[in-house]
Amino acid sequence: MLYIIGLGLCDEKDITVRGLEAVKSSSRVYLEAYTSILLVNKERLESFYGKEVIIADRDMVETQAEEILKGADKHDVSLLVVGDPFGATTHVDIVLRARSSGIPVRVIHNASIMNAVGACGLQLYNFGQAVSLVFFTDTWKPDSFYDRIRENMGLGLHTLVLLDIKVKEQSEENLARGRKIYEPPRYMSIPQAVSQLLEIESLRAENVLSPKTTLAIALSRVGCDDAGPDNTRQRIVCGTLEQLSEQPPESFGEPLHSLVIIGKRLHHLEVVYAEEYAVCRETWRRVAREVYGCVLDYTATPEI
């Protein structure tokens, strides 16, 4: 059996009981380590699971999948995935490869940012298509995400924006020269994400995003609390795009980060819940009322 096991969002203890049983039954255990990252090292996983964990980087998962699948028709093999197994298309591909080789597959699900984003107070059924935002370069600034945000906005739906990470990436020069030299890991910050979003808005000029009147919510390390690894914790910050762009990067917490662009079907209960995390509660309420049409008939909670 090939098990594809979701690990959840934070540390080694987020695995489900069913997932842990599958890991313990496996002869080999791989950790997919490039579509997302867990907030603990593999030694912590090995200690908790009682198994050696083999790091599966992009090259192994995408071009050497047969190494992972080898022998899985005779004994159990586990592939560990941060979040939920179907949070990335890469894992669909390995399921199809296993099926074509006659290897049974069992998927064990877990929490991912796709559902844990509800921690910010927005209702999950008010979300439209999720998008990814990659690091821009001088010569490459893909903007297909803008069309998805525009479509969501047209329906009044929120948009979850997944921010880029670069793990074990090669520079263009090293890639061209065939040198296995990797760049340091990089994680997109909230201010950089907002800057890129507004850069594309200025180029497209379709009035989808406005610095002063588009509300957004930034999230980091969703699912972690103060007792998490290295004293990390979940952090949520909300405001207009302009307000978020003006905050220092450290105010958003440690990576990984996500951003939600709020749609016009914003419910007043969503406003009330998220107000706790607002950069400025007065501005948050005013924009929600005047731009989003929310009826707020309660007295704002005093600033703390």
C-alpha atoms as a PDB file:
ATOM      1  CA  MET A   1       0.000   0.000   0.000  1.00  0.00           C
ATOM      2  CA  LEU A   2       1.092   3.557  -0.705  1.00  0.00           C
ATOM      3  CA  TYR A   3      -0.161   5.845   2.043  1.00  0.00           C
ATOM      4  CA  ILE A   4      -0.332   9.563   1.372  1.00  0.00           C
ATOM      5  CA  ILE A   5      -0.693  11.136   4.785  1.00  0.00           C
ATOM      6  CA  GLY A   6      -1.590  14.710   5.679  1.00  0.00           C
ATOM      7  CA  LEU A   7       0.422  16.089   8.600  1.00  0.00           C
ATOM      8  CA  GLY A   8      -1.665  19.144   9.388  1.00  0.00           C
ATOM      9  CA  LEU A   9      -0.229  22.617   9.756  1.00  0.00           C
ATOM     10  CA  CYS A  10       2.058  22.914  12.741  1.00  0.00           C
ATOM     11  CA  ASP A  11       4.168  20.169  14.271  1.00  0.00           C
ATOM     12  CA  GLU A  12       4.657  16.423  14.696  1.00  0.00           C
ATOM     13  CA  LYS A  13       1.592  16.074  16.935  1.00  0.00           C
ATOM     14  CA  ASP A  14      -0.880  17.247  14.286  1.00  0.00           C
ATOM     15  CA  ILE A  15      -0.883  13.876  12.517  1.00  0.00           C
ATOM     16  CA  THR A  16      -4.101  11.876  12.976  1.00  0.00           C
ATOM     17  CA  VAL A  17      -4.209   8.598  14.872  1.00  0.00           C
ATOM     18  CA  ARG A  18      -4.963   6.784  11.606  1.00  0.00           C
ATOM     19  CA  GLY A  19      -2.026   8.509   9.938  1.00  0.00           C
ATOM     20  CA  LEU A  20       0.361   7.627  12.767  1.00  0.00           C
ATOM     21  CA  GLU A  21      -0.678   3.971  12.586  1.00  0.00           C
ATOM     22  CA  ALA A  22       0.054   3.951   8.855  1.00  0.00           C
ATOM     23  CA  VAL A  23       3.492   5.524   9.409  1.00  0.00           C
ATOM     24  CA  LYS A  24       4.390   2.928  12.021  1.00  0.00           C
ATOM     25  CA  SER A  25       3.376   0.118   9.655  1.00  0.00           C
ATOM     26  CA  SER A  26       5.495   1.428   6.766  1.00  0.00           C
ATOM     27  CA  SER A  27       8.869   0.102   5.705  1.00  0.00           C
ATOM     28  CA  ARG A  28       9.826   3.505   4.231  1.00  0.00           C
ATOM     29  CA  VAL A  29       8.564   6.975   5.128  1.00  0.00           C
ATOM     30  CA  TYR A  30       9.099  10.000   2.864  1.00  0.00           C
ATOM     31  CA  LEU A  31       8.437  13.657   3.698  1.00  0.00           C
ATOM     32  CA  GLU A  32       7.482  15.848   0.737  1.00  0.00           C
ATOM     33  CA  ALA A  33       9.340  19.049   1.527  1.00  0.00           C
ATOM     34  CA  TYR A  34       8.815  21.644  -1.175  1.00  0.00           C
ATOM     35  CA  THR A  35       5.117  22.495  -1.707  1.00  0.00           C
ATOM     36  CA  SER A  36       4.967  23.567   1.960  1.00  0.00           C
ATOM     37  CA  ILE A  37       6.997  23.279   5.144  1.00  0.00           C
ATOM     38  CA  LEU A  38       6.286  21.887   8.586  1.00  0.00           C
ATOM     39  CA  LEU A  39       7.438  23.991  11.516  1.00  0.00           C
ATOM     40  CA  VAL A  40       9.646  21.283  13.027  1.00  0.00           C
ATOM     41  CA  ASN A  41      12.663  19.459  11.635  1.00  0.00           C
ATOM     42  CA  LYS A  42      12.685  15.872  10.483  1.00  0.00           C
ATOM     43  CA  GLU A  43      14.501  14.753  13.640  1.00  0.00           C
ATOM     44  CA  ARG A  44      11.448  15.777  15.675  1.00  0.00           C
ATOM     45  CA  LEU A  45       9.266  13.744  13.330  1.00  0.00           C
ATOM     46  CA  GLU A  46      11.549  10.712  13.558  1.00  0.00           C
ATOM     47  CA  SER A  47      11.566  10.845  17.347  1.00  0.00           C
ATOM     48  CA  PHE A  48       7.778  11.061  17.566  1.00  0.00           C
ATOM     49  CA  TYR A  49       7.011   8.521  14.832  1.00  0.00           C
ATOM     50  CA  GLY A  50       9.754   6.065  15.732  1.00  0.00           C
ATOM     51  CA  LYS A  51      10.726   5.865  12.062  1.00  0.00           C
ATOM     52  CA  GLU A  52      13.467   7.186   9.795  1.00  0.00           C
ATOM     53  CA  VAL A  53      12.087   9.955   7.560  1.00  0.00           C
ATOM     54  CA  ILE A  54      13.503  10.418   4.051  1.00  0.00           C
ATOM     55  CA  ILE A  55      13.285  13.945   2.626  1.00  0.00           C
ATOM     56  CA  ALA A  56      11.625  13.956  -0.809  1.00  0.00           C
ATOM     57  CA  ASP A  57      12.516  17.173  -2.620  1.00  0.00           C
ATOM     58  CA  ARG A  58      10.962  18.523  -5.833  1.00  0.00           C
ATOM     59  CA  ASP A  59      13.307  16.519  -8.053  1.00  0.00           C
ATOM     60  CA  MET A  60      12.471  13.221  -6.339  1.00  0.00           C
ATOM     61  CA  VAL A  61       8.697  13.735  -6.261  1.00  0.00           C
ATOM     62  CA  GLU A  62       8.342  15.067  -9.801  1.00  0.00           C
ATOM     63  CA  THR A  63      11.013  13.160 -11.748  1.00  0.00           C
ATOM     64  CA  GLN A  64      11.960  10.173  -9.573  1.00  0.00           C
ATOM     65  CA  ALA A  65       8.574   9.092  -8.258  1.00  0.00           C
ATOM     66  CA  GLU A  66       9.440   5.486  -9.063  1.00  0.00           C
ATOM     67  CA  GLU A  67      11.941   5.606  -6.187  1.00  0.00           C
ATOM     68  CA  ILE A  68       9.098   6.363  -3.766  1.00  0.00           C
ATOM     69  CA  LEU A  69       6.811   3.759  -5.330  1.00  0.00           C
ATOM     70  CA  LYS A  70       9.450   0.997  -5.465  1.00  0.00           C
ATOM     71  CA  GLY A  71       8.199  -2.052  -3.586  1.00  0.00           C
ATOM     72  CA  ALA A  72       4.957  -0.411  -2.483  1.00  0.00           C
ATOM     73  CA  ASP A  73       3.046  -3.296  -4.097  1.00  0.00           C
ATOM     74  CA  LYS A  74       4.689  -5.663  -1.602  1.00  0.00           C
ATOM     75  CA  HIS A  75       4.896  -3.590   1.597  1.00  0.00           C
ATOM     76  CA  ASP A  76       3.653  -0.305   3.000  1.00  0.00           C
ATOM     77  CA  VAL A  77       5.274   2.993   1.997  1.00  0.00           C
ATOM     78  CA  SER A  78       4.190   6.390   3.350  1.00  0.00           C
ATOM     79  CA  LEU A  79       4.506   9.823   1.780  1.00  0.00           C
ATOM     80  CA  LEU A  80       3.976  12.571   4.352  1.00  0.00           C
ATOM     81  CA  VAL A  81       2.494  15.848   3.125  1.00  0.00           C
ATOM     82  CA  VAL A  82       2.215  19.101   5.075  1.00  0.00           C
ATOM     83  CA  GLY A  83      -1.456  20.101   5.341  1.00  0.00           C
ATOM     84  CA  ASP A  84      -3.786  17.855   3.337  1.00  0.00           C
ATOM     85  CA  PRO A  85      -2.570  15.425   0.633  1.00  0.00           C
ATOM     86  CA  PHE A  86      -4.693  17.003  -2.097  1.00  0.00           C
ATOM     87  CA  GLY A  87      -3.610  20.562  -1.392  1.00  0.00           C
ATOM     88  CA  ALA A  88      -1.177  20.376  -4.342  1.00  0.00           C
ATOM     89  CA  THR A  89      -1.555  18.836  -7.798  1.00  0.00           C
ATOM     90  CA  THR A  90       1.811  17.100  -7.358  1.00  0.00           C
ATOM     91  CA  HIS A  91       0.178  14.582  -5.045  1.00  0.00           C
ATOM     92  CA  VAL A  92      -2.595  13.817  -7.509  1.00  0.00           C
ATOM     93  CA  ASP A  93       0.137  12.952 -10.016  1.00  0.00           C
ATOM     94  CA  ILE A  94       1.803  10.430  -7.704  1.00  0.00           C
ATOM     95  CA  VAL A  95      -1.581   8.785  -7.009  1.00  0.00           C
ATOM     96  CA  LEU A  96      -2.087   8.362 -10.761  1.00  0.00           C
ATOM     97  CA  ARG A  97       1.428   6.926 -11.142  1.00  0.00           C
ATOM     98  CA  ALA A  98       0.737   4.421  -8.364  1.00  0.00           C
ATOM     99  CA  ARG A  99      -2.578   3.392  -9.904  1.00  0.00           C
ATOM    100  CA  SER A 100      -0.954   2.830 -13.297  1.00  0.00           C
ATOM    101  CA  SER A 101       1.577   0.548 -11.586  1.00  0.00           C
ATOM    102  CA  GLY A 102      -1.143  -1.444  -9.842  1.00  0.00           C
ATOM    103  CA  ILE A 103      -0.196  -0.154  -6.392  1.00  0.00           C
ATOM    104  CA  PRO A 104      -3.094   0.336  -3.935  1.00  0.00           C
ATOM    105  CA  VAL A 105      -3.304   3.873  -2.545  1.00  0.00           C
ATOM    106  CA  ARG A 106      -4.890   5.120   0.641  1.00  0.00           C
ATOM    107  CA  VAL A 107      -5.144   8.849   1.397  1.00  0.00           C
ATOM    108  CA  ILE A 108      -5.373  10.031   5.012  1.00  0.00           C
ATOM    109  CA  HIS A 109      -6.603  13.595   5.237  1.00  0.00           C
ATOM    110  CA  ASN A 110      -5.771  16.389   7.668  1.00  0.00           C
ATOM    111  CA  ALA A 111      -6.260  20.121   8.188  1.00  0.00           C
ATOM    112  CA  SER A 112      -4.864  22.508   5.585  1.00  0.00           C
ATOM    113  CA  ILE A 113      -4.881  26.261   5.061  1.00  0.00           C
ATOM    114  CA  MET A 114      -7.836  25.722   2.705  1.00  0.00           C
ATOM    115  CA  ASN A 115     -10.123  25.087   5.672  1.00  0.00           C
ATOM    116  CA  ALA A 116      -8.108  26.462   8.600  1.00  0.00           C
ATOM    117  CA  VAL A 117      -8.327  29.925   7.007  1.00  0.00           C
ATOM    118  CA  GLY A 118     -11.686  30.105   8.778  1.00  0.00           C
ATOM    119  CA  ALA A 119      -9.675  31.023  11.887  1.00  0.00           C
ATOM    120  CA  CYS A 120      -9.801  34.642  10.719  1.00  0.00           C
ATOM    121  CA  GLY A 121     -13.588  34.683  11.058  1.00  0.00           C
ATOM    122  CA  LEU A 122     -14.544  34.534   7.387  1.00  0.00           C
ATOM    123  CA  GLN A 123     -17.142  31.916   6.476  1.00  0.00           C
ATOM    124  CA  LEU A 124     -15.721  29.175   4.270  1.00  0.00           C
ATOM    125  CA  TYR A 125     -18.715  29.041   1.942  1.00  0.00           C
ATOM    126  CA  ASN A 126     -18.057  32.698   1.056  1.00  0.00           C
ATOM    127  CA  PHE A 127     -14.725  31.829  -0.583  1.00  0.00           C
ATOM    128  CA  GLY A 128     -14.191  31.548  -4.318  1.00  0.00           C
ATOM    129  CA  GLN A 129     -11.163  30.232  -6.211  1.00  0.00           C
ATOM    130  CA  ALA A 130      -7.854  30.185  -4.334  1.00  0.00           C
ATOM    131  CA  VAL A 131      -4.825  31.620  -6.152  1.00  0.00           C
ATOM    132  CA  SER A 132      -1.053  31.415  -5.829  1.00  0.00           C
ATOM    133  CA  LEU A 133       1.197  34.466  -5.923  1.00  0.00           C
ATOM    134  CA  VAL A 134       4.776  33.793  -7.009  1.00  0.00           C
ATOM    135  CA  PHE A 135       7.863  35.928  -6.546  1.00  0.00           C
ATOM    136  CA  PHE A 136       8.160  38.411  -9.412  1.00  0.00           C
ATOM    137  CA  THR A 137      11.448  38.858 -11.262  1.00  0.00           C
ATOM    138  CA  ASP A 138      12.578  41.667 -13.550  1.00  0.00           C
ATOM    139  CA  THR A 139      11.486  39.657 -16.579  1.00  0.00           C
ATOM    140  CA  TRP A 140       8.635  37.496 -15.245  1.00  0.00           C
ATOM    141  CA  LYS A 141       5.514  38.887 -13.600  1.00  0.00           C
ATOM    142  CA  PRO A 142       2.668  36.417 -14.185  1.00  0.00           C
ATOM    143  CA  ASP A 143      -0.745  37.966 -13.566  1.00  0.00           C
ATOM    144  CA  SER A 144      -3.274  35.183 -14.127  1.00  0.00           C
ATOM    145  CA  PHE A 145      -4.147  35.413 -10.418  1.00  0.00           C
ATOM    146  CA  TYR A 146      -5.656  38.836 -11.122  1.00  0.00           C
ATOM    147  CA  ASP A 147      -8.321  37.321 -13.374  1.00  0.00           C
ATOM    148  CA  ARG A 148      -9.311  34.822 -10.678  1.00  0.00           C
ATOM    149  CA  ILE A 149      -9.549  37.584  -8.059  1.00  0.00           C
ATOM    150  CA  ARG A 150     -11.671  39.650 -10.466  1.00  0.00           C
ATOM    151  CA  GLU A 151     -14.014  36.692 -11.028  1.00  0.00           C
ATOM    152  CA  ASN A 152     -14.339  36.134  -7.277  1.00  0.00           C
ATOM    153  CA  MET A 153     -14.932  39.826  -6.681  1.00  0.00           C
ATOM    154  CA  GLY A 154     -17.634  39.821  -9.345  1.00  0.00           C
ATOM    155  CA  LEU A 155     -19.473  37.210  -7.280  1.00  0.00           C
ATOM    156  CA  GLY A 156     -18.744  38.969  -4.002  1.00  0.00           C
ATOM    157  CA  LEU A 157     -16.527  36.088  -2.834  1.00  0.00           C
ATOM    158  CA  HIS A 158     -13.350  36.115  -0.773  1.00  0.00           C
ATOM    159  CA  THR A 159     -10.052  35.029  -2.359  1.00  0.00           C
ATOM    160  CA  LEU A 160      -7.402  33.026  -0.509  1.00  0.00           C
ATOM    161  CA  VAL A 161      -3.971  34.028  -1.849  1.00  0.00           C
ATOM    162  CA  LEU A 162      -1.226  31.473  -1.175  1.00  0.00           C
ATOM    163  CA  LEU A 163       2.158  33.173  -1.009  1.00  0.00           C
ATOM    164  CA  ASP A 164       5.212  31.749  -2.715  1.00  0.00           C
ATOM    165  CA  ILE A 165       7.989  29.827  -1.012  1.00  0.00           C
ATOM    166  CA  LYS A 166      11.351  28.962  -2.535  1.00  0.00           C
ATOM    167  CA  VAL A 167      12.980  25.886  -1.039  1.00  0.00           C
ATOM    168  CA  LYS A 168      15.987  24.204  -2.649  1.00  0.00           C
ATOM    169  CA  GLU A 169      15.794  26.405  -5.743  1.00  0.00           C
ATOM    170  CA  GLN A 170      18.657  27.029  -8.163  1.00  0.00           C
ATOM    171  CA  SER A 171      19.609  30.383  -9.654  1.00  0.00           C
ATOM    172  CA  GLU A 172      19.198  30.745 -13.425  1.00  0.00           C
ATOM    173  CA  GLU A 173      22.978  30.677 -13.836  1.00  0.00           C
ATOM    174  CA  ASN A 174      23.492  27.522 -11.777  1.00  0.00           C
ATOM    175  CA  LEU A 175      20.552  25.865 -13.502  1.00  0.00           C
ATOM    176  CA  ALA A 176      21.984  26.709 -16.944  1.00  0.00           C
ATOM    177  CA  ARG A 177      25.415  25.419 -15.956  1.00  0.00           C
ATOM    178  CA  GLY A 178      24.009  22.254 -14.398  1.00  0.00           C
ATOM    179  CA  ARG A 179      25.465  23.053 -10.985  1.00  0.00           C
ATOM    180  CA  LYS A 180      23.660  21.555  -7.998  1.00  0.00           C
ATOM    181  CA  ILE A 181      24.011  24.733  -5.958  1.00  0.00           C
ATOM    182  CA  TYR A 182      20.868  25.894  -4.201  1.00  0.00           C
ATOM    183  CA  GLU A 183      19.710  29.306  -3.075  1.00  0.00           C
ATOM    184  CA  PRO A 184      18.776  29.988   0.575  1.00  0.00           C
ATOM    185  CA  PRO A 185      15.072  29.430   1.342  1.00  0.00           C
ATOM    186  CA  ARG A 186      12.795  32.430   0.734  1.00  0.00           C
ATOM    187  CA  TYR A 187       9.262  33.045   1.935  1.00  0.00           C
ATOM    188  CA  MET A 188       7.067  35.803   0.546  1.00  0.00           C
ATOM    189  CA  SER A 189       6.050  38.399   3.138  1.00  0.00           C
ATOM    190  CA  ILE A 190       2.683  40.131   3.374  1.00  0.00           C
ATOM    191  CA  PRO A 191       4.041  43.593   2.378  1.00  0.00           C
ATOM    192  CA  GLN A 192       5.716  42.094  -0.695  1.00  0.00           C
ATOM    193  CA  ALA A 193       2.525  40.257  -1.642  1.00  0.00           C
ATOM    194  CA  VAL A 194       0.435  43.427  -1.339  1.00  0.00           C
ATOM    195  CA  SER A 195       3.019  45.345  -3.372  1.00  0.00           C
ATOM    196  CA  GLN A 196       2.851  42.773  -6.180  1.00  0.00           C
ATOM    197  CA  LEU A 197      -0.949  42.731  -6.159  1.00  0.00           C
ATOM    198  CA  LEU A 198      -1.118  46.514  -6.454  1.00  0.00           C
ATOM    199  CA  GLU A 199       1.601  46.539  -9.116  1.00  0.00           C
ATOM    200  CA  ILE A 200      -0.556  44.341 -11.333  1.00  0.00           C
ATOM    201  CA  GLU A 201      -3.608  46.479 -10.550  1.00  0.00           C
ATOM    202  CA  SER A 202      -1.701  49.547 -11.732  1.00  0.00           C
ATOM    203  CA  LEU A 203      -0.799  47.752 -14.968  1.00  0.00           C
ATOM    204  CA  ARG A 204      -4.233  46.243 -15.625  1.00  0.00           C
ATOM    205  CA  ALA A 205      -6.212  49.216 -14.271  1.00  0.00           C
ATOM    206  CA  GLU A 206      -9.494  47.291 -13.997  1.00  0.00           C
ATOM    207  CA  ASN A 207     -10.358  48.620 -10.535  1.00  0.00           C
ATOM    208  CA  VAL A 208     -10.409  45.190  -8.947  1.00  0.00           C
ATOM    209  CA  LEU A 209      -8.126  46.156  -6.064  1.00  0.00           C
ATOM    210  CA  SER A 210      -7.949  49.503  -4.296  1.00  0.00           C
ATOM    211  CA  PRO A 211      -5.280  50.357  -1.709  1.00  0.00           C
ATOM    212  CA  LYS A 212      -7.677  52.379   0.448  1.00  0.00           C
ATOM    213  CA  THR A 213     -10.954  50.503   0.051  1.00  0.00           C
ATOM    214  CA  THR A 214     -10.108  46.815  -0.470  1.00  0.00           C
ATOM    215  CA  LEU A 215     -10.082  44.941   2.822  1.00  0.00           C
ATOM    216  CA  ALA A 216      -7.748  42.018   3.381  1.00  0.00           C
ATOM    217  CA  ILE A 217      -6.673  39.645   6.146  1.00  0.00           C
ATOM    218  CA  ALA A 218      -3.120  38.386   6.610  1.00  0.00           C
ATOM    219  CA  LEU A 219      -2.472  35.070   8.358  1.00  0.00           C
ATOM    220  CA  SER A 220       0.678  33.300   9.488  1.00  0.00           C
ATOM    221  CA  ARG A 221       1.381  29.937  11.089  1.00  0.00           C
ATOM    222  CA  VAL A 222      -2.289  29.058  11.212  1.00  0.00           C
ATOM    223  CA  GLY A 223      -2.947  26.274  13.703  1.00  0.00           C
ATOM    224  CA  CYS A 224       0.018  27.049  15.977  1.00  0.00           C
ATOM    225  CA  ASP A 225      -0.341  28.475  19.464  1.00  0.00           C
ATOM    226  CA  ASP A 226       2.119  29.789  22.052  1.00  0.00           C
ATOM    227  CA  ALA A 227       3.025  26.240  23.009  1.00  0.00           C
ATOM    228  CA  GLY A 228       4.127  25.505  19.444  1.00  0.00           C
ATOM    229  CA  PRO A 229       7.691  24.782  18.279  1.00  0.00           C
ATOM    230  CA  ASP A 230      10.176  27.597  19.018  1.00  0.00           C
ATOM    231  CA  ASN A 231       7.366  29.495  20.769  1.00  0.00           C
ATOM    232  CA  THR A 232       5.735  30.220  17.409  1.00  0.00           C
ATOM    233  CA  ARG A 233       2.096  31.139  17.255  1.00  0.00           C
ATOM    234  CA  GLN A 234      -0.681  31.907  14.848  1.00  0.00           C
ATOM    235  CA  ARG A 235      -1.018  35.563  13.917  1.00  0.00           C
ATOM    236  CA  ILE A 236      -3.843  37.388  12.108  1.00  0.00           C
ATOM    237  CA  VAL A 237      -3.773  41.020  10.979  1.00  0.00           C
ATOM    238  CA  CYS A 238      -6.466  42.777   8.938  1.00  0.00           C
ATOM    239  CA  GLY A 239      -7.079  46.143   7.337  1.00  0.00           C
ATOM    240  CA  THR A 240      -7.059  47.812   3.944  1.00  0.00           C
ATOM    241  CA  LEU A 241      -4.364  46.806   1.468  1.00  0.00           C
ATOM    242  CA  GLU A 242      -2.702  50.151   2.099  1.00  0.00           C
ATOM    243  CA  GLN A 243      -2.646  49.579   5.857  1.00  0.00           C
ATOM    244  CA  LEU A 244      -1.165  46.103   5.473  1.00  0.00           C
ATOM    245  CA  SER A 245       1.520  47.405   3.121  1.00  0.00           C
ATOM    246  CA  GLU A 246       2.573  49.961   5.741  1.00  0.00           C
ATOM    247  CA  GLN A 247       3.073  47.466   8.594  1.00  0.00           C
ATOM    248  CA  PRO A 248       6.590  46.189   9.336  1.00  0.00           C
ATOM    249  CA  PRO A 249       7.082  42.571   8.185  1.00  0.00           C
ATOM    250  CA  GLU A 250       7.591  41.357  11.758  1.00  0.00           C
ATOM    251  CA  SER A 251       4.063  42.444  12.712  1.00  0.00           C
ATOM    252  CA  PHE A 252       2.733  39.562  10.604  1.00  0.00           C
ATOM    253  CA  GLY A 253       4.664  36.859  12.434  1.00  0.00           C
ATOM    254  CA  GLU A 254       6.908  34.154  11.048  1.00  0.00           C
ATOM    255  CA  PRO A 255       6.261  32.384   7.707  1.00  0.00           C
ATOM    256  CA  LEU A 256       4.362  30.714   6.171  1.00  0.00           C
ATOM    257  CA  HIS A 257       1.964  33.538   5.259  1.00  0.00           C
ATOM    258  CA  SER A 258      -1.357  33.691   3.448  1.00  0.00           C
ATOM    259  CA  LEU A 259      -3.568  36.623   2.467  1.00  0.00           C
ATOM    260  CA  VAL A 260      -7.329  36.858   1.991  1.00  0.00           C
ATOM    261  CA  ILE A 261      -8.824  39.486  -0.331  1.00  0.00           C
ATOM    262  CA  ILE A 262     -12.299  40.168   1.019  1.00  0.00           C
ATOM    263  CA  GLY A 263     -15.299  40.064  -1.320  1.00  0.00           C
ATOM    264  CA  LYS A 264     -18.355  42.344  -1.259  1.00  0.00           C
ATOM    265  CA  ARG A 265     -20.650  39.675   0.215  1.00  0.00           C
ATOM    266  CA  LEU A 266     -18.922  40.353   3.514  1.00  0.00           C
ATOM    267  CA  HIS A 267     -21.295  39.473   6.365  1.00  0.00           C
ATOM    268  CA  HIS A 268     -21.556  41.701   9.412  1.00  0.00           C
ATOM    269  CA  LEU A 269     -20.615  38.785  11.688  1.00  0.00           C
ATOM    270  CA  GLU A 270     -17.409  38.351   9.696  1.00  0.00           C
ATOM    271  CA  VAL A 271     -16.663  42.033  10.278  1.00  0.00           C
ATOM    272  CA  VAL A 272     -17.308  41.718  14.009  1.00  0.00           C
ATOM    273  CA  TYR A 273     -15.133  38.608  14.384  1.00  0.00           C
ATOM    274  CA  ALA A 274     -12.161  39.934  12.384  1.00  0.00           C
ATOM    275  CA  GLU A 275     -12.268  43.368  14.011  1.00  0.00           C
ATOM    276  CA  GLU A 276     -10.245  41.906  16.877  1.00  0.00           C
ATOM    277  CA  TYR A 277      -7.273  41.703  14.474  1.00  0.00           C
ATOM    278  CA  ALA A 278      -7.672  45.079  12.736  1.00  0.00           C
ATOM    279  CA  VAL A 279      -4.769  47.491  12.344  1.00  0.00           C
ATOM    280  CA  CYS A 280      -7.322  50.241  13.006  1.00  0.00           C
ATOM    281  CA  ARG A 281     -10.796  49.198  14.118  1.00  0.00           C
ATOM    282  CA  GLU A 282     -12.349  52.510  13.129  1.00  0.00           C
ATOM    283  CA  THR A 283     -11.101  52.228   9.541  1.00  0.00           C
ATOM    284  CA  TRP A 284     -12.063  48.548   9.398  1.00  0.00           C
ATOM    285  CA  ARG A 285     -15.641  49.328  10.409  1.00  0.00           C
ATOM    286  CA  ARG A 286     -15.919  52.407   8.198  1.00  0.00           C
ATOM    287  CA  VAL A 287     -14.783  50.629   5.010  1.00  0.00           C
ATOM    288  CA  ALA A 288     -16.947  47.596   5.819  1.00  0.00           C
ATOM    289  CA  ARG A 289     -19.947  49.886   6.225  1.00  0.00           C
ATOM    290  CA  GLU A 290     -19.382  52.440   3.441  1.00  0.00           C
ATOM    291  CA  VAL A 291     -17.723  50.291   0.747  1.00  0.00           C
ATOM    292  CA  TYR A 292     -18.947  46.766   1.509  1.00  0.00           C
ATOM    293  CA  GLY A 293     -22.450  47.767   2.630  1.00  0.00           C
ATOM    294  CA  CYS A 294     -22.363  46.002   5.996  1.00  0.00           C
ATOM    295  CA  VAL A 295     -24.906  47.106   8.582  1.00  0.00           C
ATOM    296  CA  LEU A 296     -23.062  47.483  11.867  1.00  0.00           C
ATOM    297  CA  ASP A 297     -25.450  48.444  14.624  1.00  0.00           C
ATOM    298  CA  TYR A 298     -23.225  47.792  17.622  1.00  0.00           C
ATOM    299  CA  THR A 299     -20.719  49.918  19.485  1.00  0.00           C
ATOM    300  CA  ALA A 300     -17.127  49.254  18.507  1.00  0.00           C
ATOM    301  CA  THR A 301     -14.987  47.502  21.058  1.00  0.00           C
ATOM    302  CA  PRO A 302     -12.553  50.041  22.575  1.00  0.00           C
ATOM    303  CA  GLU A 303      -8.964  49.919  21.402  1.00  0.00           C
ATOM    304  CA  ILE A 304      -6.741  47.907  23.718  1.00  0.00           C
END
